[in-house]
């Protein structure tokens, strides 16, 4: 893949274990919601793009006939395979592949999903085009994306803590050209050819034992934070990380509910006239 370090397998391999333990737990309720929009049966074929460690793939495999899980991170897919084996699921196929060039024939799937992955793609239009291409007419696509930081108490608290360590960050800025803008989200799905597009806002609640656990969990599961750690070097990272941890330890009450908010984009591939 190109440009951004977040498009490389290495950074996601590095956080695969932490991602599987925390990020997947946060994403699992959103994945359950996403699956409700696709009427899966034991005959359904499903593709999960940017599947990670299987937050959506695993429950989809319990309903569908076949699930193809795609990701650029071999290590995440290995963890997914281990989880599938432990659950006795033998209808999952994993493929290390670029979402912009999916290794499947046209009209191969009844449903296509991408949970919190499309936001990292530099060429979303190509990725959406591939999802459209591999869907059968009448098939459903569901894509999730985080809402803006200012709308999510979990992300807001983390950003405030990070500003304590890096004051030059300033106030969080919404990216109006990204999928966190519902109008852009809907427009891009329509431009890719999907019909009946709707964007829905959903929320789940996260809790942590204390601020220290909150920070350590985020560090273990965030590819972006691991990149910063590499860029800053261990000495600067340690100093700034201590400030963030101290801030969260002061501001976060044990087991305080912190909602995390996401947008779900749902569309359908039209039947031929």
C-alpha atoms as a PDB file:
ATOM      1  CA  UNK A   1       0.000   0.000   0.000  1.00  0.00           C
ATOM      2  CA  UNK A   2       1.164   3.618  -0.124  1.00  0.00           C
ATOM      3  CA  UNK A   3       2.046   6.758   1.883  1.00  0.00           C
ATOM      4  CA  UNK A   4       0.892   6.676   5.499  1.00  0.00           C
ATOM      5  CA  UNK A   5       2.632   4.343   7.972  1.00  0.00           C
ATOM      6  CA  UNK A   6      -0.866   3.298   9.094  1.00  0.00           C
ATOM      7  CA  UNK A   7      -1.231   1.624   5.705  1.00  0.00           C
ATOM      8  CA  UNK A   8       1.584  -0.821   6.427  1.00  0.00           C
ATOM      9  CA  UNK A   9       1.249  -4.278   7.902  1.00  0.00           C
ATOM     10  CA  UNK A  10       4.098  -3.749  10.380  1.00  0.00           C
ATOM     11  CA  UNK A  11       2.314  -1.226  12.615  1.00  0.00           C
ATOM     12  CA  UNK A  12      -0.805  -3.386  12.841  1.00  0.00           C
ATOM     13  CA  UNK A  13       1.227  -6.532  13.453  1.00  0.00           C
ATOM     14  CA  UNK A  14       2.887  -4.696  16.354  1.00  0.00           C
ATOM     15  CA  UNK A  15      -0.427  -4.048  18.147  1.00  0.00           C
ATOM     16  CA  UNK A  16      -2.230  -7.235  17.117  1.00  0.00           C
ATOM     17  CA  UNK A  17      -2.401  -8.788  20.599  1.00  0.00           C
ATOM     18  CA  UNK A  18      -3.525  -5.608  22.381  1.00  0.00           C
ATOM     19  CA  UNK A  19      -5.915  -4.824  19.544  1.00  0.00           C
ATOM     20  CA  UNK A  20      -7.459  -8.258  19.874  1.00  0.00           C
ATOM     21  CA  UNK A  21      -7.901  -7.852  23.619  1.00  0.00           C
ATOM     22  CA  UNK A  22      -9.334  -4.331  23.778  1.00  0.00           C
ATOM     23  CA  UNK A  23     -10.183  -2.840  20.392  1.00  0.00           C
ATOM     24  CA  UNK A  24     -12.080  -5.938  19.355  1.00  0.00           C
ATOM     25  CA  UNK A  25     -14.091  -5.822  22.586  1.00  0.00           C
ATOM     26  CA  UNK A  26     -15.093  -2.215  21.863  1.00  0.00           C
ATOM     27  CA  UNK A  27     -15.918  -3.007  18.243  1.00  0.00           C
ATOM     28  CA  UNK A  28     -17.872  -6.191  18.942  1.00  0.00           C
ATOM     29  CA  UNK A  29     -21.142  -4.407  19.871  1.00  0.00           C
ATOM     30  CA  UNK A  30     -20.904  -2.310  16.704  1.00  0.00           C
ATOM     31  CA  UNK A  31     -20.242  -5.476  14.710  1.00  0.00           C
ATOM     32  CA  UNK A  32     -23.373  -7.048  16.191  1.00  0.00           C
ATOM     33  CA  UNK A  33     -25.366  -4.014  15.059  1.00  0.00           C
ATOM     34  CA  UNK A  34     -23.826  -4.191  11.594  1.00  0.00           C
ATOM     35  CA  UNK A  35     -24.804  -7.835  11.198  1.00  0.00           C
ATOM     36  CA  UNK A  36     -28.433  -7.006  11.971  1.00  0.00           C
ATOM     37  CA  UNK A  37     -28.617  -5.028   8.720  1.00  0.00           C
ATOM     38  CA  UNK A  38     -27.736  -8.060   6.586  1.00  0.00           C
ATOM     39  CA  UNK A  39     -30.232 -10.916   6.464  1.00  0.00           C
ATOM     40  CA  UNK A  40     -27.613 -13.661   6.655  1.00  0.00           C
ATOM     41  CA  UNK A  41     -28.529 -17.313   6.281  1.00  0.00           C
ATOM     42  CA  UNK A  42     -26.582 -20.540   6.300  1.00  0.00           C
ATOM     43  CA  UNK A  43     -26.131 -20.070   2.535  1.00  0.00           C
ATOM     44  CA  UNK A  44     -24.768 -16.519   2.687  1.00  0.00           C
ATOM     45  CA  UNK A  45     -21.264 -15.599   1.555  1.00  0.00           C
ATOM     46  CA  UNK A  46     -19.710 -12.678   3.448  1.00  0.00           C
ATOM     47  CA  UNK A  47     -16.557 -10.595   3.036  1.00  0.00           C
ATOM     48  CA  UNK A  48     -15.072  -8.644   5.955  1.00  0.00           C
ATOM     49  CA  UNK A  49     -12.492  -6.079   4.802  1.00  0.00           C
ATOM     50  CA  UNK A  50      -9.941  -4.840   7.372  1.00  0.00           C
ATOM     51  CA  UNK A  51     -11.127  -7.751   9.487  1.00  0.00           C
ATOM     52  CA  UNK A  52      -8.437  -7.384  12.156  1.00  0.00           C
ATOM     53  CA  UNK A  53      -8.700 -10.112  14.760  1.00  0.00           C
ATOM     54  CA  UNK A  54     -12.305 -10.923  13.908  1.00  0.00           C
ATOM     55  CA  UNK A  55     -14.746  -8.684  15.777  1.00  0.00           C
ATOM     56  CA  UNK A  56     -17.207  -9.110  12.917  1.00  0.00           C
ATOM     57  CA  UNK A  57     -15.820 -12.176  11.131  1.00  0.00           C
ATOM     58  CA  UNK A  58     -16.350 -14.549  14.052  1.00  0.00           C
ATOM     59  CA  UNK A  59     -20.015 -13.753  14.790  1.00  0.00           C
ATOM     60  CA  UNK A  60     -20.723 -13.572  11.035  1.00  0.00           C
ATOM     61  CA  UNK A  61     -19.363 -17.102  10.643  1.00  0.00           C
ATOM     62  CA  UNK A  62     -21.896 -18.327  13.205  1.00  0.00           C
ATOM     63  CA  UNK A  63     -24.701 -17.176  10.873  1.00  0.00           C
ATOM     64  CA  UNK A  64     -23.325 -17.410   7.343  1.00  0.00           C
ATOM     65  CA  UNK A  65     -22.181 -20.243   5.129  1.00  0.00           C
ATOM     66  CA  UNK A  66     -18.774 -18.740   4.304  1.00  0.00           C
ATOM     67  CA  UNK A  67     -16.815 -15.685   5.477  1.00  0.00           C
ATOM     68  CA  UNK A  68     -13.710 -14.292   3.791  1.00  0.00           C
ATOM     69  CA  UNK A  69     -11.639 -12.121   6.149  1.00  0.00           C
ATOM     70  CA  UNK A  70      -9.250  -9.658   4.497  1.00  0.00           C
ATOM     71  CA  UNK A  71      -6.522  -7.637   6.203  1.00  0.00           C
ATOM     72  CA  UNK A  72      -3.010  -6.354   5.512  1.00  0.00           C
ATOM     73  CA  UNK A  73      -1.760  -7.697   8.866  1.00  0.00           C
ATOM     74  CA  UNK A  74      -0.743 -11.366   8.799  1.00  0.00           C
ATOM     75  CA  UNK A  75      -0.417 -11.433  12.576  1.00  0.00           C
ATOM     76  CA  UNK A  76      -3.961 -10.193  13.132  1.00  0.00           C
ATOM     77  CA  UNK A  77      -5.287 -12.800  10.737  1.00  0.00           C
ATOM     78  CA  UNK A  78      -3.336 -15.519  12.549  1.00  0.00           C
ATOM     79  CA  UNK A  79      -5.008 -14.470  15.802  1.00  0.00           C
ATOM     80  CA  UNK A  80      -8.361 -14.558  13.996  1.00  0.00           C
ATOM     81  CA  UNK A  81      -7.609 -18.085  12.754  1.00  0.00           C
ATOM     82  CA  UNK A  82      -6.699 -19.179  16.291  1.00  0.00           C
ATOM     83  CA  UNK A  83      -9.953 -17.750  17.647  1.00  0.00           C
ATOM     84  CA  UNK A  84     -11.950 -19.437  14.887  1.00  0.00           C
ATOM     85  CA  UNK A  85     -10.330 -22.781  15.641  1.00  0.00           C
ATOM     86  CA  UNK A  86     -11.028 -22.383  19.355  1.00  0.00           C
ATOM     87  CA  UNK A  87     -14.677 -21.639  18.563  1.00  0.00           C
ATOM     88  CA  UNK A  88     -14.954 -24.608  16.204  1.00  0.00           C
ATOM     89  CA  UNK A  89     -15.658 -22.399  13.166  1.00  0.00           C
ATOM     90  CA  UNK A  90     -14.416 -23.988   9.948  1.00  0.00           C
ATOM     91  CA  UNK A  91     -16.135 -21.700   7.407  1.00  0.00           C
ATOM     92  CA  UNK A  92     -13.662 -18.786   7.556  1.00  0.00           C
ATOM     93  CA  UNK A  93     -11.024 -18.102   4.911  1.00  0.00           C
ATOM     94  CA  UNK A  94      -8.361 -15.448   5.593  1.00  0.00           C
ATOM     95  CA  UNK A  95      -6.549 -13.472   2.900  1.00  0.00           C
ATOM     96  CA  UNK A  96      -3.702 -11.006   3.334  1.00  0.00           C
ATOM     97  CA  UNK A  97      -4.666  -8.448   0.698  1.00  0.00           C
ATOM     98  CA  UNK A  98      -5.048  -4.796  -0.245  1.00  0.00           C
ATOM     99  CA  UNK A  99      -8.649  -3.612   0.134  1.00  0.00           C
ATOM    100  CA  UNK A 100      -8.271  -1.696  -3.122  1.00  0.00           C
ATOM    101  CA  UNK A 101      -7.586  -4.920  -5.070  1.00  0.00           C
ATOM    102  CA  UNK A 102      -9.662  -7.678  -3.503  1.00  0.00           C
ATOM    103  CA  UNK A 103      -8.716 -11.211  -4.631  1.00  0.00           C
ATOM    104  CA  UNK A 104     -12.286 -12.240  -5.449  1.00  0.00           C
ATOM    105  CA  UNK A 105     -14.447 -12.526  -8.549  1.00  0.00           C
ATOM    106  CA  UNK A 106     -17.280 -10.151  -9.340  1.00  0.00           C
ATOM    107  CA  UNK A 107     -20.555 -10.802  -7.524  1.00  0.00           C
ATOM    108  CA  UNK A 108     -19.056 -13.271  -5.039  1.00  0.00           C
ATOM    109  CA  UNK A 109     -20.744 -12.155  -1.799  1.00  0.00           C
ATOM    110  CA  UNK A 110     -24.179 -11.501  -0.356  1.00  0.00           C
ATOM    111  CA  UNK A 111     -22.890  -9.033   2.262  1.00  0.00           C
ATOM    112  CA  UNK A 112     -19.765  -6.918   2.666  1.00  0.00           C
ATOM    113  CA  UNK A 113     -18.487  -5.236   5.823  1.00  0.00           C
ATOM    114  CA  UNK A 114     -15.615  -3.012   6.880  1.00  0.00           C
ATOM    115  CA  UNK A 115     -15.506  -2.134  10.577  1.00  0.00           C
ATOM    116  CA  UNK A 116     -13.341   0.926  11.333  1.00  0.00           C
ATOM    117  CA  UNK A 117     -10.976   0.185   8.466  1.00  0.00           C
ATOM    118  CA  UNK A 118     -12.013   2.363   5.546  1.00  0.00           C
ATOM    119  CA  UNK A 119     -11.010   5.511   7.452  1.00  0.00           C
ATOM    120  CA  UNK A 120      -7.343   4.505   7.095  1.00  0.00           C
ATOM    121  CA  UNK A 121      -7.485   4.037   3.323  1.00  0.00           C
ATOM    122  CA  UNK A 122      -5.995   6.884   1.246  1.00  0.00           C
ATOM    123  CA  UNK A 123      -8.210   5.970  -1.704  1.00  0.00           C
ATOM    124  CA  UNK A 124     -11.593   5.224  -0.201  1.00  0.00           C
ATOM    125  CA  UNK A 125     -13.286   5.402  -3.584  1.00  0.00           C
ATOM    126  CA  UNK A 126     -11.279   2.460  -4.927  1.00  0.00           C
ATOM    127  CA  UNK A 127     -11.954   0.431  -1.786  1.00  0.00           C
ATOM    128  CA  UNK A 128     -15.677   1.169  -1.980  1.00  0.00           C
ATOM    129  CA  UNK A 129     -15.606   0.279  -5.655  1.00  0.00           C
ATOM    130  CA  UNK A 130     -14.110  -3.099  -4.791  1.00  0.00           C
ATOM    131  CA  UNK A 131     -16.806  -3.749  -2.184  1.00  0.00           C
ATOM    132  CA  UNK A 132     -19.416  -2.879  -4.804  1.00  0.00           C
ATOM    133  CA  UNK A 133     -17.749  -5.103  -7.418  1.00  0.00           C
ATOM    134  CA  UNK A 134     -17.634  -8.243  -5.268  1.00  0.00           C
ATOM    135  CA  UNK A 135     -21.219  -7.871  -3.998  1.00  0.00           C
ATOM    136  CA  UNK A 136     -24.061  -9.661  -5.729  1.00  0.00           C
ATOM    137  CA  UNK A 137     -27.047  -7.538  -6.855  1.00  0.00           C
ATOM    138  CA  UNK A 138     -29.311  -7.052  -3.856  1.00  0.00           C
ATOM    139  CA  UNK A 139     -26.370  -7.474  -1.484  1.00  0.00           C
ATOM    140  CA  UNK A 140     -25.802  -5.292   1.586  1.00  0.00           C
ATOM    141  CA  UNK A 141     -22.757  -3.255   2.568  1.00  0.00           C
ATOM    142  CA  UNK A 142     -22.169  -1.966   6.112  1.00  0.00           C
ATOM    143  CA  UNK A 143     -19.217   0.256   7.014  1.00  0.00           C
ATOM    144  CA  UNK A 144     -18.392   1.805  10.379  1.00  0.00           C
ATOM    145  CA  UNK A 145     -16.383   4.898  11.253  1.00  0.00           C
ATOM    146  CA  UNK A 146     -15.742   6.740  14.512  1.00  0.00           C
ATOM    147  CA  UNK A 147     -17.726   9.903  15.125  1.00  0.00           C
ATOM    148  CA  UNK A 148     -15.739  13.147  15.613  1.00  0.00           C
ATOM    149  CA  UNK A 149     -13.613  13.296  18.771  1.00  0.00           C
ATOM    150  CA  UNK A 150     -15.728  16.107  20.222  1.00  0.00           C
ATOM    151  CA  UNK A 151     -18.835  13.885  20.135  1.00  0.00           C
ATOM    152  CA  UNK A 152     -17.247  10.889  21.888  1.00  0.00           C
ATOM    153  CA  UNK A 153     -16.571  11.154  25.652  1.00  0.00           C
ATOM    154  CA  UNK A 154     -13.960   8.371  25.468  1.00  0.00           C
ATOM    155  CA  UNK A 155     -11.983  10.034  22.666  1.00  0.00           C
ATOM    156  CA  UNK A 156     -12.452  13.498  24.173  1.00  0.00           C
ATOM    157  CA  UNK A 157     -10.934  12.450  27.504  1.00  0.00           C
ATOM    158  CA  UNK A 158      -8.003  10.772  25.744  1.00  0.00           C
ATOM    159  CA  UNK A 159      -7.379  13.837  23.598  1.00  0.00           C
ATOM    160  CA  UNK A 160      -7.469  16.129  26.646  1.00  0.00           C
ATOM    161  CA  UNK A 161      -4.977  13.867  28.405  1.00  0.00           C
ATOM    162  CA  UNK A 162      -2.715  13.867  25.379  1.00  0.00           C
ATOM    163  CA  UNK A 163      -2.801  17.670  25.230  1.00  0.00           C
ATOM    164  CA  UNK A 164      -1.478  17.681  28.784  1.00  0.00           C
ATOM    165  CA  UNK A 165       1.665  16.005  27.452  1.00  0.00           C
ATOM    166  CA  UNK A 166       1.750  17.748  24.055  1.00  0.00           C
ATOM    167  CA  UNK A 167       0.207  21.239  24.524  1.00  0.00           C
ATOM    168  CA  UNK A 168       0.882  22.227  20.917  1.00  0.00           C
ATOM    169  CA  UNK A 169      -1.855  19.838  19.799  1.00  0.00           C
ATOM    170  CA  UNK A 170      -4.479  22.539  20.306  1.00  0.00           C
ATOM    171  CA  UNK A 171      -8.195  21.832  20.126  1.00  0.00           C
ATOM    172  CA  UNK A 172      -9.365  18.729  18.237  1.00  0.00           C
ATOM    173  CA  UNK A 173     -10.425  19.586  14.709  1.00  0.00           C
ATOM    174  CA  UNK A 174     -13.152  17.754  12.843  1.00  0.00           C
ATOM    175  CA  UNK A 175     -12.123  16.519   9.401  1.00  0.00           C
ATOM    176  CA  UNK A 176     -15.102  17.543   7.292  1.00  0.00           C
ATOM    177  CA  UNK A 177     -13.757  15.652   4.275  1.00  0.00           C
ATOM    178  CA  UNK A 178     -13.588  12.330   6.102  1.00  0.00           C
ATOM    179  CA  UNK A 179     -16.214   9.703   6.882  1.00  0.00           C
ATOM    180  CA  UNK A 180     -16.779  11.282  10.301  1.00  0.00           C
ATOM    181  CA  UNK A 181     -18.883  13.773   8.308  1.00  0.00           C
ATOM    182  CA  UNK A 182     -22.206  11.939   7.685  1.00  0.00           C
ATOM    183  CA  UNK A 183     -22.818  13.882   4.467  1.00  0.00           C
ATOM    184  CA  UNK A 184     -19.467  12.811   3.020  1.00  0.00           C
ATOM    185  CA  UNK A 185     -20.054   9.251   4.237  1.00  0.00           C
ATOM    186  CA  UNK A 186     -23.424   9.066   2.491  1.00  0.00           C
ATOM    187  CA  UNK A 187     -22.157  10.783  -0.656  1.00  0.00           C
ATOM    188  CA  UNK A 188     -19.197   8.415  -1.101  1.00  0.00           C
ATOM    189  CA  UNK A 189     -21.370   5.326  -0.710  1.00  0.00           C
ATOM    190  CA  UNK A 190     -23.786   6.686  -3.314  1.00  0.00           C
ATOM    191  CA  UNK A 191     -20.964   7.592  -5.680  1.00  0.00           C
ATOM    192  CA  UNK A 192     -19.704   4.017  -5.465  1.00  0.00           C
ATOM    193  CA  UNK A 193     -23.105   2.890  -6.760  1.00  0.00           C
ATOM    194  CA  UNK A 194     -24.926   1.858  -3.590  1.00  0.00           C
ATOM    195  CA  UNK A 195     -28.630   2.627  -3.236  1.00  0.00           C
ATOM    196  CA  UNK A 196     -30.824   3.228  -0.196  1.00  0.00           C
ATOM    197  CA  UNK A 197     -27.873   4.632   1.724  1.00  0.00           C
ATOM    198  CA  UNK A 198     -28.443   5.629   5.350  1.00  0.00           C
ATOM    199  CA  UNK A 199     -25.972   6.763   8.016  1.00  0.00           C
ATOM    200  CA  UNK A 200     -26.834   5.854  11.601  1.00  0.00           C
ATOM    201  CA  UNK A 201     -25.195   6.972  14.851  1.00  0.00           C
ATOM    202  CA  UNK A 202     -24.694   4.375  17.585  1.00  0.00           C
ATOM    203  CA  UNK A 203     -23.083   4.436  21.030  1.00  0.00           C
ATOM    204  CA  UNK A 204     -21.625   1.880  23.422  1.00  0.00           C
ATOM    205  CA  UNK A 205     -20.271   2.370  26.950  1.00  0.00           C
ATOM    206  CA  UNK A 206     -16.708   1.526  27.972  1.00  0.00           C
ATOM    207  CA  UNK A 207     -15.383   1.283  31.552  1.00  0.00           C
ATOM    208  CA  UNK A 208     -11.939   0.894  33.081  1.00  0.00           C
ATOM    209  CA  UNK A 209     -10.662   0.071  36.554  1.00  0.00           C
ATOM    210  CA  UNK A 210      -8.818   3.409  36.669  1.00  0.00           C
ATOM    211  CA  UNK A 211      -7.049   5.970  34.493  1.00  0.00           C
ATOM    212  CA  UNK A 212      -3.864   3.941  34.389  1.00  0.00           C
ATOM    213  CA  UNK A 213      -5.676   0.935  32.947  1.00  0.00           C
ATOM    214  CA  UNK A 214      -7.392   3.191  30.430  1.00  0.00           C
ATOM    215  CA  UNK A 215      -4.095   4.552  29.135  1.00  0.00           C
ATOM    216  CA  UNK A 216      -2.257   1.241  29.130  1.00  0.00           C
ATOM    217  CA  UNK A 217      -5.115  -0.380  27.251  1.00  0.00           C
ATOM    218  CA  UNK A 218      -5.036   2.331  24.603  1.00  0.00           C
ATOM    219  CA  UNK A 219      -1.273   2.106  24.189  1.00  0.00           C
ATOM    220  CA  UNK A 220      -1.428  -1.657  23.743  1.00  0.00           C
ATOM    221  CA  UNK A 221      -4.148  -1.509  21.076  1.00  0.00           C
ATOM    222  CA  UNK A 222      -3.458   1.693  19.101  1.00  0.00           C
ATOM    223  CA  UNK A 223      -1.291   1.585  15.991  1.00  0.00           C
ATOM    224  CA  UNK A 224      -1.223   5.397  15.924  1.00  0.00           C
ATOM    225  CA  UNK A 225       0.209   5.580  19.449  1.00  0.00           C
ATOM    226  CA  UNK A 226       2.825   2.964  18.623  1.00  0.00           C
ATOM    227  CA  UNK A 227       3.877   5.066  15.639  1.00  0.00           C
ATOM    228  CA  UNK A 228       4.272   8.103  17.892  1.00  0.00           C
ATOM    229  CA  UNK A 229       6.330   6.019  20.285  1.00  0.00           C
ATOM    230  CA  UNK A 230       8.685   5.103  17.464  1.00  0.00           C
ATOM    231  CA  UNK A 231       8.880   8.681  16.159  1.00  0.00           C
ATOM    232  CA  UNK A 232       9.563  10.235  19.579  1.00  0.00           C
ATOM    233  CA  UNK A 233      11.987   7.620  20.886  1.00  0.00           C
ATOM    234  CA  UNK A 234      11.682   5.887  24.242  1.00  0.00           C
ATOM    235  CA  UNK A 235      12.909   8.774  26.394  1.00  0.00           C
ATOM    236  CA  UNK A 236      10.445  11.347  25.079  1.00  0.00           C
ATOM    237  CA  UNK A 237       7.673   8.764  24.865  1.00  0.00           C
ATOM    238  CA  UNK A 238       8.198   7.753  28.497  1.00  0.00           C
ATOM    239  CA  UNK A 239       8.086  11.358  29.682  1.00  0.00           C
ATOM    240  CA  UNK A 240       4.921  12.208  27.748  1.00  0.00           C
ATOM    241  CA  UNK A 241       3.245   8.914  28.523  1.00  0.00           C
ATOM    242  CA  UNK A 242       3.780   9.538  32.253  1.00  0.00           C
ATOM    243  CA  UNK A 243       2.022  12.913  31.930  1.00  0.00           C
ATOM    244  CA  UNK A 244      -0.936  11.355  30.149  1.00  0.00           C
ATOM    245  CA  UNK A 245      -1.178   8.583  32.729  1.00  0.00           C
ATOM    246  CA  UNK A 246      -1.064  11.076  35.606  1.00  0.00           C
ATOM    247  CA  UNK A 247      -3.756  13.234  33.977  1.00  0.00           C
ATOM    248  CA  UNK A 248      -6.072  10.274  33.466  1.00  0.00           C
ATOM    249  CA  UNK A 249      -5.397   9.014  36.984  1.00  0.00           C
ATOM    250  CA  UNK A 250      -6.591  12.409  38.303  1.00  0.00           C
ATOM    251  CA  UNK A 251      -9.547  12.890  35.985  1.00  0.00           C
ATOM    252  CA  UNK A 252     -10.987   9.439  35.480  1.00  0.00           C
ATOM    253  CA  UNK A 253     -13.101   7.869  38.230  1.00  0.00           C
ATOM    254  CA  UNK A 254     -12.847   4.070  38.554  1.00  0.00           C
ATOM    255  CA  UNK A 255     -15.425   2.357  36.322  1.00  0.00           C
ATOM    256  CA  UNK A 256     -16.746   5.692  35.094  1.00  0.00           C
ATOM    257  CA  UNK A 257     -18.867   5.072  31.958  1.00  0.00           C
ATOM    258  CA  UNK A 258     -17.287   6.526  28.819  1.00  0.00           C
ATOM    259  CA  UNK A 259     -19.475   6.296  25.707  1.00  0.00           C
ATOM    260  CA  UNK A 260     -17.782   5.606  22.394  1.00  0.00           C
ATOM    261  CA  UNK A 261     -19.774   6.758  19.366  1.00  0.00           C
ATOM    262  CA  UNK A 262     -19.621   5.449  15.817  1.00  0.00           C
ATOM    263  CA  UNK A 263     -21.373   6.002  12.513  1.00  0.00           C
ATOM    264  CA  UNK A 264     -22.697   3.047  10.524  1.00  0.00           C
ATOM    265  CA  UNK A 265     -23.175   3.478   6.793  1.00  0.00           C
ATOM    266  CA  UNK A 266     -25.587   0.992   5.219  1.00  0.00           C
ATOM    267  CA  UNK A 267     -26.312   0.554   1.523  1.00  0.00           C
ATOM    268  CA  UNK A 268     -27.408  -1.984  -1.080  1.00  0.00           C
ATOM    269  CA  UNK A 269     -26.240  -2.990  -4.531  1.00  0.00           C
ATOM    270  CA  UNK A 270     -29.206  -2.485  -6.849  1.00  0.00           C
ATOM    271  CA  UNK A 271     -30.798  -5.313  -8.755  1.00  0.00           C
ATOM    272  CA  UNK A 272     -30.509  -5.033 -12.535  1.00  0.00           C
ATOM    273  CA  UNK A 273     -33.491  -3.369 -14.168  1.00  0.00           C
END
